């Protein structure tokens, strides 16, 4: 019974829910990056390289030649799809760069939070150097009157 209770606590914790939301958003982000690579980035690169469609760059393992990757796949030919591999590399690099930018921004925000000093909550008695609350008018250690002393 303890195992089930532990699992329930684990599954309901905020970290697991945050992770689930991150995975869902990551999947949606992956679709956006895929579209960016396949529909925006690769066509101009293909045009610059002589109207090459990267998704159609493949090598057939065999003696027969095919005009397109889909034709080779329909025929059941074994192919090395290096054009799709190049698309995936570019997609990975864009995704990694965007994640780097997000993490970089988060780290900058964290550093700013760390730099903000908190307001002091105590002061030192000028006579005995004991830490005492800011609002204290008499030192509890040496009983000096602190409202008469300028610190």
N, C-alpha and C. Protein backbone atom coordinates (compact mmCIF):
# COMPACT_ATOMS: atom_id res chain seq x y z
N UNK A 1 0.83 -1.20 0.00
CA UNK A 1 0.00 0.00 0.00
C UNK A 1 0.86 1.25 0.00
N UNK A 2 2.05 1.21 0.64
CA UNK A 2 2.93 2.36 0.70
C UNK A 2 3.47 2.76 -0.67
N UNK A 3 3.72 1.77 -1.53
CA UNK A 3 4.25 2.03 -2.86
C UNK A 3 3.24 2.82 -3.69
N UNK A 4 1.98 2.45 -3.61
CA UNK A 4 0.93 3.14 -4.36
C UNK A 4 0.80 4.58 -3.87
N UNK A 5 0.84 4.76 -2.56
CA UNK A 5 0.74 6.10 -1.98
C UNK A 5 1.93 6.97 -2.43
N UNK A 6 3.12 6.39 -2.40
CA UNK A 6 4.32 7.11 -2.83
C UNK A 6 4.21 7.52 -4.29
N UNK A 7 3.77 6.58 -5.14
CA UNK A 7 3.63 6.88 -6.56
C UNK A 7 2.60 7.99 -6.78
N UNK A 8 1.50 7.95 -6.06
CA UNK A 8 0.46 8.97 -6.18
C UNK A 8 1.02 10.35 -5.81
N UNK A 9 1.79 10.42 -4.73
CA UNK A 9 2.41 11.67 -4.33
C UNK A 9 3.38 12.17 -5.39
N UNK A 10 4.16 11.25 -5.94
CA UNK A 10 5.12 11.59 -6.98
C UNK A 10 4.42 12.13 -8.22
N UNK A 11 3.36 11.44 -8.66
CA UNK A 11 2.67 11.81 -9.89
C UNK A 11 1.93 13.12 -9.77
N UNK A 12 1.50 13.49 -8.58
CA UNK A 12 0.72 14.71 -8.39
C UNK A 12 1.61 15.92 -8.10
N UNK A 13 2.87 15.68 -7.77
CA UNK A 13 3.78 16.79 -7.49
C UNK A 13 3.89 17.71 -8.69
N UNK A 14 4.20 18.96 -8.44
CA UNK A 14 4.32 19.96 -9.50
C UNK A 14 5.40 19.64 -10.51
N UNK A 15 6.49 19.01 -10.10
CA UNK A 15 7.58 18.72 -11.02
C UNK A 15 7.14 17.79 -12.15
N UNK A 16 6.37 16.78 -11.84
CA UNK A 16 5.91 15.85 -12.86
C UNK A 16 4.96 16.54 -13.82
N UNK A 17 4.08 17.36 -13.29
CA UNK A 17 3.14 18.10 -14.14
C UNK A 17 3.90 19.10 -15.01
N UNK A 18 4.90 19.79 -14.43
CA UNK A 18 5.72 20.71 -15.21
C UNK A 18 6.44 19.97 -16.34
N UNK A 19 6.94 18.78 -16.04
CA UNK A 19 7.62 17.98 -17.05
C UNK A 19 6.66 17.60 -18.17
N UNK A 20 5.45 17.20 -17.81
CA UNK A 20 4.45 16.82 -18.82
C UNK A 20 4.12 18.01 -19.72
N UNK A 21 3.94 19.17 -19.12
CA UNK A 21 3.65 20.38 -19.91
C UNK A 21 4.84 20.68 -20.82
N UNK A 22 6.06 20.53 -20.30
CA UNK A 22 7.26 20.76 -21.11
C UNK A 22 7.35 19.83 -22.30
N UNK A 23 7.01 18.57 -22.10
CA UNK A 23 7.04 17.60 -23.20
C UNK A 23 6.01 17.96 -24.27
N UNK A 24 4.82 18.35 -23.84
CA UNK A 24 3.77 18.72 -24.80
C UNK A 24 4.18 19.96 -25.59
N UNK A 25 4.69 20.97 -24.89
CA UNK A 25 5.13 22.19 -25.58
C UNK A 25 6.32 21.88 -26.48
N UNK A 26 7.21 20.99 -26.02
CA UNK A 26 8.35 20.59 -26.84
C UNK A 26 7.91 19.92 -28.13
N UNK A 27 6.88 19.09 -28.06
CA UNK A 27 6.36 18.45 -29.27
C UNK A 27 5.80 19.47 -30.25
N UNK A 28 5.07 20.44 -29.72
CA UNK A 28 4.52 21.49 -30.58
C UNK A 28 5.65 22.34 -31.16
N UNK A 29 6.65 22.63 -30.34
CA UNK A 29 7.80 23.41 -30.80
C UNK A 29 8.54 22.65 -31.90
N UNK A 30 8.64 21.33 -31.76
CA UNK A 30 9.30 20.51 -32.77
C UNK A 30 8.60 20.64 -34.12
N UNK A 31 7.29 20.68 -34.11
CA UNK A 31 6.54 20.84 -35.37
C UNK A 31 6.85 22.19 -36.02
N UNK A 32 6.95 23.22 -35.19
CA UNK A 32 7.25 24.55 -35.72
C UNK A 32 8.64 24.58 -36.33
N UNK A 33 9.62 24.00 -35.62
CA UNK A 33 10.99 23.98 -36.13
C UNK A 33 11.07 23.13 -37.40
N UNK A 34 10.37 22.00 -37.42
CA UNK A 34 10.36 21.17 -38.63
C UNK A 34 9.83 21.94 -39.82
N UNK A 35 8.75 22.67 -39.61
CA UNK A 35 8.18 23.47 -40.69
C UNK A 35 9.15 24.57 -41.10
N UNK A 36 9.79 25.20 -40.13
CA UNK A 36 10.77 26.25 -40.44
C UNK A 36 11.89 25.69 -41.32
N UNK A 37 12.42 24.54 -40.94
CA UNK A 37 13.52 23.94 -41.71
C UNK A 37 13.05 23.51 -43.08
N UNK A 38 11.97 22.73 -43.13
CA UNK A 38 11.52 22.13 -44.39
C UNK A 38 10.87 23.13 -45.34
N UNK A 39 10.16 24.12 -44.81
CA UNK A 39 9.38 25.02 -45.66
C UNK A 39 10.01 26.39 -45.87
N UNK A 40 10.92 26.81 -44.98
CA UNK A 40 11.49 28.16 -45.08
C UNK A 40 13.00 28.12 -45.34
N UNK A 41 13.75 27.35 -44.56
CA UNK A 41 15.21 27.37 -44.65
C UNK A 41 15.73 26.56 -45.85
N UNK A 42 15.27 25.33 -45.99
CA UNK A 42 15.84 24.45 -47.01
C UNK A 42 15.51 24.84 -48.46
N UNK A 43 14.32 25.34 -48.79
CA UNK A 43 14.08 25.71 -50.20
C UNK A 43 15.06 26.75 -50.74
N UNK A 44 15.35 27.86 -50.00
CA UNK A 44 16.35 28.80 -50.56
C UNK A 44 17.75 28.18 -50.67
N UNK A 45 18.12 27.34 -49.71
CA UNK A 45 19.43 26.68 -49.80
C UNK A 45 19.46 25.77 -51.02
N UNK A 46 18.36 25.05 -51.25
CA UNK A 46 18.26 24.20 -52.44
C UNK A 46 18.35 24.99 -53.73
N UNK A 47 17.72 26.18 -53.74
CA UNK A 47 17.79 27.04 -54.94
C UNK A 47 19.23 27.50 -55.18
N UNK A 48 19.93 27.88 -54.09
CA UNK A 48 21.31 28.35 -54.24
C UNK A 48 22.23 27.23 -54.74
N UNK A 49 21.89 26.00 -54.41
CA UNK A 49 22.72 24.86 -54.81
C UNK A 49 22.23 24.22 -56.11
N UNK A 50 21.44 24.94 -56.88
CA UNK A 50 21.01 24.43 -58.19
C UNK A 50 19.68 23.71 -58.15
N UNK A 51 18.72 24.27 -57.44
CA UNK A 51 17.36 23.74 -57.37
C UNK A 51 17.33 22.30 -56.85
N UNK A 52 18.06 22.07 -55.77
CA UNK A 52 18.12 20.74 -55.16
C UNK A 52 17.05 20.64 -54.08
N UNK A 53 16.27 19.56 -54.11
CA UNK A 53 15.30 19.27 -53.07
C UNK A 53 15.97 18.29 -52.12
N UNK A 54 16.33 18.76 -50.93
CA UNK A 54 17.09 17.93 -50.00
C UNK A 54 16.34 16.66 -49.60
N UNK A 55 15.02 16.71 -49.55
CA UNK A 55 14.28 15.51 -49.18
C UNK A 55 14.37 14.44 -50.26
N UNK A 56 14.83 14.82 -51.45
CA UNK A 56 14.96 13.88 -52.55
C UNK A 56 16.41 13.46 -52.79
N UNK A 57 17.29 13.79 -51.87
CA UNK A 57 18.68 13.35 -51.99
C UNK A 57 18.81 12.00 -51.31
N UNK A 58 19.13 10.98 -52.09
CA UNK A 58 19.24 9.63 -51.55
C UNK A 58 20.18 8.83 -52.43
N UNK A 59 20.65 7.73 -51.87
CA UNK A 59 21.50 6.81 -52.60
C UNK A 59 20.83 5.44 -52.53
N UNK A 60 20.65 4.83 -53.69
CA UNK A 60 20.01 3.52 -53.75
C UNK A 60 21.05 2.42 -53.58
N UNK A 61 20.76 1.50 -52.69
CA UNK A 61 21.64 0.35 -52.49
C UNK A 61 21.19 -0.76 -53.44
N UNK A 62 21.72 -0.73 -54.59
CA UNK A 62 21.35 -1.70 -55.62
C UNK A 62 21.73 -1.15 -56.99
N UNK A 63 21.34 -1.86 -58.02
CA UNK A 63 21.73 -1.48 -59.38
C UNK A 63 20.71 -0.58 -60.07
N UNK A 64 19.49 -0.56 -59.62
CA UNK A 64 18.44 0.19 -60.30
C UNK A 64 18.42 1.64 -59.83
N UNK A 65 18.18 2.58 -60.74
CA UNK A 65 18.08 4.00 -60.42
C UNK A 65 16.61 4.42 -60.35
N UNK A 66 16.32 5.34 -59.45
CA UNK A 66 14.97 5.86 -59.28
C UNK A 66 15.02 7.38 -59.36
N UNK A 67 13.93 7.96 -59.89
CA UNK A 67 13.88 9.42 -60.08
C UNK A 67 13.65 10.16 -58.76
N UNK A 68 12.94 9.55 -57.84
CA UNK A 68 12.64 10.21 -56.57
C UNK A 68 12.70 9.20 -55.43
N UNK A 69 12.78 9.73 -54.23
CA UNK A 69 12.82 8.87 -53.05
C UNK A 69 11.51 8.11 -52.90
N UNK A 70 10.40 8.79 -53.16
CA UNK A 70 9.11 8.11 -53.01
C UNK A 70 8.97 6.95 -54.00
N UNK A 71 9.51 7.14 -55.21
CA UNK A 71 9.48 6.06 -56.20
C UNK A 71 10.32 4.87 -55.73
N UNK A 72 11.48 5.14 -55.16
CA UNK A 72 12.35 4.07 -54.66
C UNK A 72 11.69 3.36 -53.49
N UNK A 73 11.04 4.12 -52.61
CA UNK A 73 10.38 3.51 -51.46
C UNK A 73 9.19 2.67 -51.88
N UNK A 74 8.44 3.14 -52.88
CA UNK A 74 7.30 2.36 -53.39
C UNK A 74 7.77 1.04 -53.98
N UNK A 75 8.95 1.06 -54.62
CA UNK A 75 9.49 -0.16 -55.21
C UNK A 75 10.12 -1.06 -54.16
N UNK A 76 10.24 -0.57 -52.93
CA UNK A 76 10.82 -1.37 -51.86
C UNK A 76 12.34 -1.41 -51.89
N UNK A 77 12.96 -0.45 -52.56
CA UNK A 77 14.42 -0.42 -52.66
C UNK A 77 15.03 0.06 -51.35
N UNK A 78 16.18 -0.46 -51.04
CA UNK A 78 16.93 0.00 -49.86
C UNK A 78 17.65 1.28 -50.24
N UNK A 79 17.45 2.33 -49.45
CA UNK A 79 18.05 3.63 -49.77
C UNK A 79 18.73 4.22 -48.55
N UNK A 80 19.73 5.04 -48.81
CA UNK A 80 20.35 5.88 -47.78
C UNK A 80 19.85 7.29 -48.05
N UNK A 81 19.04 7.80 -47.13
CA UNK A 81 18.36 9.09 -47.33
C UNK A 81 19.16 10.23 -46.69
N UNK A 82 20.26 10.60 -47.31
CA UNK A 82 21.12 11.61 -46.71
C UNK A 82 20.53 13.01 -46.77
N UNK A 83 19.60 13.28 -47.67
CA UNK A 83 18.94 14.59 -47.72
C UNK A 83 18.05 14.81 -46.50
N UNK A 84 17.29 13.79 -46.14
CA UNK A 84 16.45 13.88 -44.94
C UNK A 84 17.33 13.99 -43.70
N UNK A 85 18.46 13.29 -43.72
CA UNK A 85 19.41 13.38 -42.61
C UNK A 85 19.94 14.81 -42.47
N UNK A 86 20.28 15.45 -43.59
CA UNK A 86 20.74 16.85 -43.55
C UNK A 86 19.65 17.76 -42.98
N UNK A 87 18.40 17.55 -43.41
CA UNK A 87 17.28 18.33 -42.86
C UNK A 87 17.21 18.16 -41.34
N UNK A 88 17.36 16.93 -40.87
CA UNK A 88 17.29 16.67 -39.43
C UNK A 88 18.44 17.31 -38.66
N UNK A 89 19.62 17.34 -39.27
CA UNK A 89 20.76 18.00 -38.62
C UNK A 89 20.48 19.49 -38.48
N UNK A 90 20.00 20.11 -39.54
CA UNK A 90 19.69 21.55 -39.49
C UNK A 90 18.58 21.81 -38.48
N UNK A 91 17.58 20.96 -38.46
CA UNK A 91 16.48 21.09 -37.50
C UNK A 91 17.02 20.99 -36.06
N UNK A 92 17.92 20.04 -35.82
CA UNK A 92 18.52 19.90 -34.49
C UNK A 92 19.30 21.15 -34.10
N UNK A 93 20.10 21.67 -35.03
CA UNK A 93 20.91 22.86 -34.73
C UNK A 93 20.04 24.06 -34.39
N UNK A 94 18.96 24.25 -35.13
CA UNK A 94 18.04 25.36 -34.84
C UNK A 94 17.39 25.16 -33.48
N UNK A 95 16.92 23.95 -33.20
CA UNK A 95 16.30 23.66 -31.91
C UNK A 95 17.29 23.88 -30.77
N UNK A 96 18.50 23.37 -30.92
CA UNK A 96 19.51 23.53 -29.87
C UNK A 96 19.84 25.00 -29.65
N UNK A 97 19.91 25.78 -30.74
CA UNK A 97 20.22 27.20 -30.60
C UNK A 97 19.10 27.95 -29.88
N UNK A 98 17.86 27.65 -30.22
CA UNK A 98 16.73 28.30 -29.55
C UNK A 98 16.71 27.93 -28.07
N UNK A 99 16.93 26.67 -27.75
CA UNK A 99 16.97 26.25 -26.34
C UNK A 99 18.12 26.94 -25.62
N UNK A 100 19.27 27.06 -26.29
CA UNK A 100 20.40 27.79 -25.71
C UNK A 100 20.01 29.23 -25.38
N UNK A 101 19.32 29.90 -26.30
CA UNK A 101 18.91 31.29 -26.06
C UNK A 101 17.94 31.39 -24.88
N UNK A 102 17.01 30.45 -24.77
CA UNK A 102 16.05 30.46 -23.66
C UNK A 102 16.78 30.24 -22.33
N UNK A 103 17.65 29.24 -22.27
CA UNK A 103 18.40 28.95 -21.03
C UNK A 103 19.29 30.13 -20.67
N UNK A 104 19.90 30.74 -21.67
CA UNK A 104 20.76 31.92 -21.42
C UNK A 104 19.97 33.04 -20.78
N UNK A 105 18.76 33.29 -21.28
CA UNK A 105 17.91 34.35 -20.73
C UNK A 105 17.49 33.99 -19.30
N UNK A 106 17.12 32.75 -19.06
CA UNK A 106 16.73 32.32 -17.71
C UNK A 106 17.90 32.50 -16.74
N UNK A 107 19.11 32.14 -17.17
CA UNK A 107 20.29 32.30 -16.31
C UNK A 107 20.56 33.77 -16.00
N UNK A 108 20.36 34.65 -16.98
CA UNK A 108 20.53 36.09 -16.73
C UNK A 108 19.52 36.58 -15.70
N UNK A 109 18.28 36.13 -15.82
CA UNK A 109 17.26 36.54 -14.85
C UNK A 109 17.60 36.03 -13.46
N UNK A 110 18.11 34.79 -13.36
CA UNK A 110 18.49 34.23 -12.06
C UNK A 110 19.63 35.03 -11.45
N UNK A 111 20.61 35.43 -12.27
CA UNK A 111 21.74 36.21 -11.75
C UNK A 111 21.27 37.56 -11.23
N UNK A 112 20.30 38.17 -11.90
CA UNK A 112 19.77 39.46 -11.44
C UNK A 112 19.08 39.29 -10.09
N UNK A 113 18.34 38.20 -9.91
CA UNK A 113 17.67 37.93 -8.64
C UNK A 113 18.70 37.76 -7.52
N UNK A 114 19.80 37.08 -7.82
CA UNK A 114 20.82 36.84 -6.82
C UNK A 114 21.53 38.12 -6.40
N UNK A 115 21.65 39.08 -7.32
CA UNK A 115 22.37 40.31 -7.04
C UNK A 115 21.59 41.27 -6.14
N UNK A 116 20.27 41.16 -6.10
CA UNK A 116 19.46 42.05 -5.30
C UNK A 116 19.66 41.70 -3.82
N UNK A 117 20.30 42.60 -3.06
CA UNK A 117 20.52 42.29 -1.65
C UNK A 117 19.22 42.45 -0.86
N UNK A 118 19.06 41.60 0.12
CA UNK A 118 17.86 41.71 0.95
C UNK A 118 18.10 42.77 2.02
N UNK A 119 17.02 43.38 2.46
CA UNK A 119 17.13 44.43 3.48
C UNK A 119 17.60 43.79 4.79
N UNK A 120 18.49 44.48 5.50
CA UNK A 120 18.97 43.91 6.76
C UNK A 120 17.84 43.81 7.78
N UNK A 121 17.88 42.77 8.59
CA UNK A 121 16.86 42.56 9.61
C UNK A 121 17.40 42.80 11.01
N UNK A 122 18.71 42.97 11.09
CA UNK A 122 19.28 43.21 12.41
C UNK A 122 20.43 44.22 12.31
N UNK A 123 20.91 44.63 13.48
CA UNK A 123 22.05 45.54 13.57
C UNK A 123 22.94 45.05 14.70
N UNK A 124 24.11 45.61 14.81
CA UNK A 124 25.05 45.20 15.86
C UNK A 124 25.08 46.28 16.95
N UNK A 125 25.11 45.84 18.15
CA UNK A 125 25.26 46.75 19.28
C UNK A 125 26.67 47.35 19.21
N UNK A 126 26.80 48.68 19.28
CA UNK A 126 28.14 49.28 19.17
C UNK A 126 29.03 48.99 20.38
N UNK A 127 28.44 48.51 21.47
CA UNK A 127 29.23 48.26 22.68
C UNK A 127 29.70 46.82 22.79
N UNK A 128 28.79 45.87 22.53
CA UNK A 128 29.17 44.46 22.71
C UNK A 128 29.15 43.66 21.41
N UNK A 129 28.82 44.29 20.32
CA UNK A 129 28.81 43.70 18.98
C UNK A 129 27.85 42.51 18.86
N UNK A 130 26.81 42.48 19.64
CA UNK A 130 25.78 41.44 19.56
C UNK A 130 24.79 41.82 18.47
N UNK A 131 24.34 40.85 17.68
CA UNK A 131 23.32 41.10 16.67
C UNK A 131 21.97 41.24 17.37
N UNK A 132 21.27 42.35 17.04
CA UNK A 132 19.97 42.62 17.66
C UNK A 132 19.01 43.10 16.59
N UNK A 133 17.69 42.95 16.79
CA UNK A 133 16.72 43.41 15.80
C UNK A 133 16.86 44.91 15.54
N UNK A 134 16.53 45.31 14.31
CA UNK A 134 16.64 46.72 13.93
C UNK A 134 15.83 47.66 14.83
N UNK A 135 14.67 47.23 15.25
CA UNK A 135 13.79 48.11 16.03
C UNK A 135 14.14 48.16 17.52
N UNK A 136 15.11 47.37 17.94
CA UNK A 136 15.47 47.33 19.36
C UNK A 136 16.04 48.68 19.80
N UNK A 137 15.66 49.11 21.01
CA UNK A 137 16.20 50.35 21.56
C UNK A 137 17.13 50.08 22.74
N UNK A 138 17.18 48.83 23.15
CA UNK A 138 18.06 48.44 24.26
C UNK A 138 18.68 47.09 23.90
N UNK A 139 19.98 46.96 24.08
CA UNK A 139 20.68 45.72 23.79
C UNK A 139 20.32 44.68 24.84
N UNK A 140 19.87 43.50 24.43
CA UNK A 140 19.52 42.47 25.41
C UNK A 140 20.76 41.85 26.08
N UNK A 141 21.90 42.02 25.48
CA UNK A 141 23.12 41.43 26.03
C UNK A 141 23.78 42.34 27.09
N UNK A 142 24.02 43.60 26.70
CA UNK A 142 24.74 44.48 27.62
C UNK A 142 23.86 45.59 28.20
N UNK A 143 22.59 45.62 27.83
CA UNK A 143 21.56 46.56 28.28
C UNK A 143 21.87 48.02 27.96
N UNK A 144 22.68 48.25 26.93
CA UNK A 144 22.97 49.64 26.53
C UNK A 144 21.75 50.24 25.87
N UNK A 145 21.51 51.53 26.09
CA UNK A 145 20.44 52.26 25.40
C UNK A 145 20.89 52.56 24.00
N UNK A 146 20.18 51.97 23.00
CA UNK A 146 20.60 52.12 21.59
C UNK A 146 19.94 53.30 20.92
N UNK A 147 18.84 53.81 21.48
CA UNK A 147 18.19 54.94 20.84
C UNK A 147 19.00 56.22 21.01
N UNK A 148 19.96 56.22 21.94
CA UNK A 148 20.82 57.37 22.14
C UNK A 148 22.06 57.30 21.25
N UNK A 149 22.35 56.12 20.70
CA UNK A 149 23.54 55.90 19.89
C UNK A 149 23.18 56.00 18.43
N UNK A 150 23.96 56.69 17.63
CA UNK A 150 23.77 56.75 16.18
C UNK A 150 24.66 55.68 15.56
N UNK A 151 24.00 54.72 14.84
CA UNK A 151 24.79 53.63 14.25
C UNK A 151 24.91 53.80 12.78
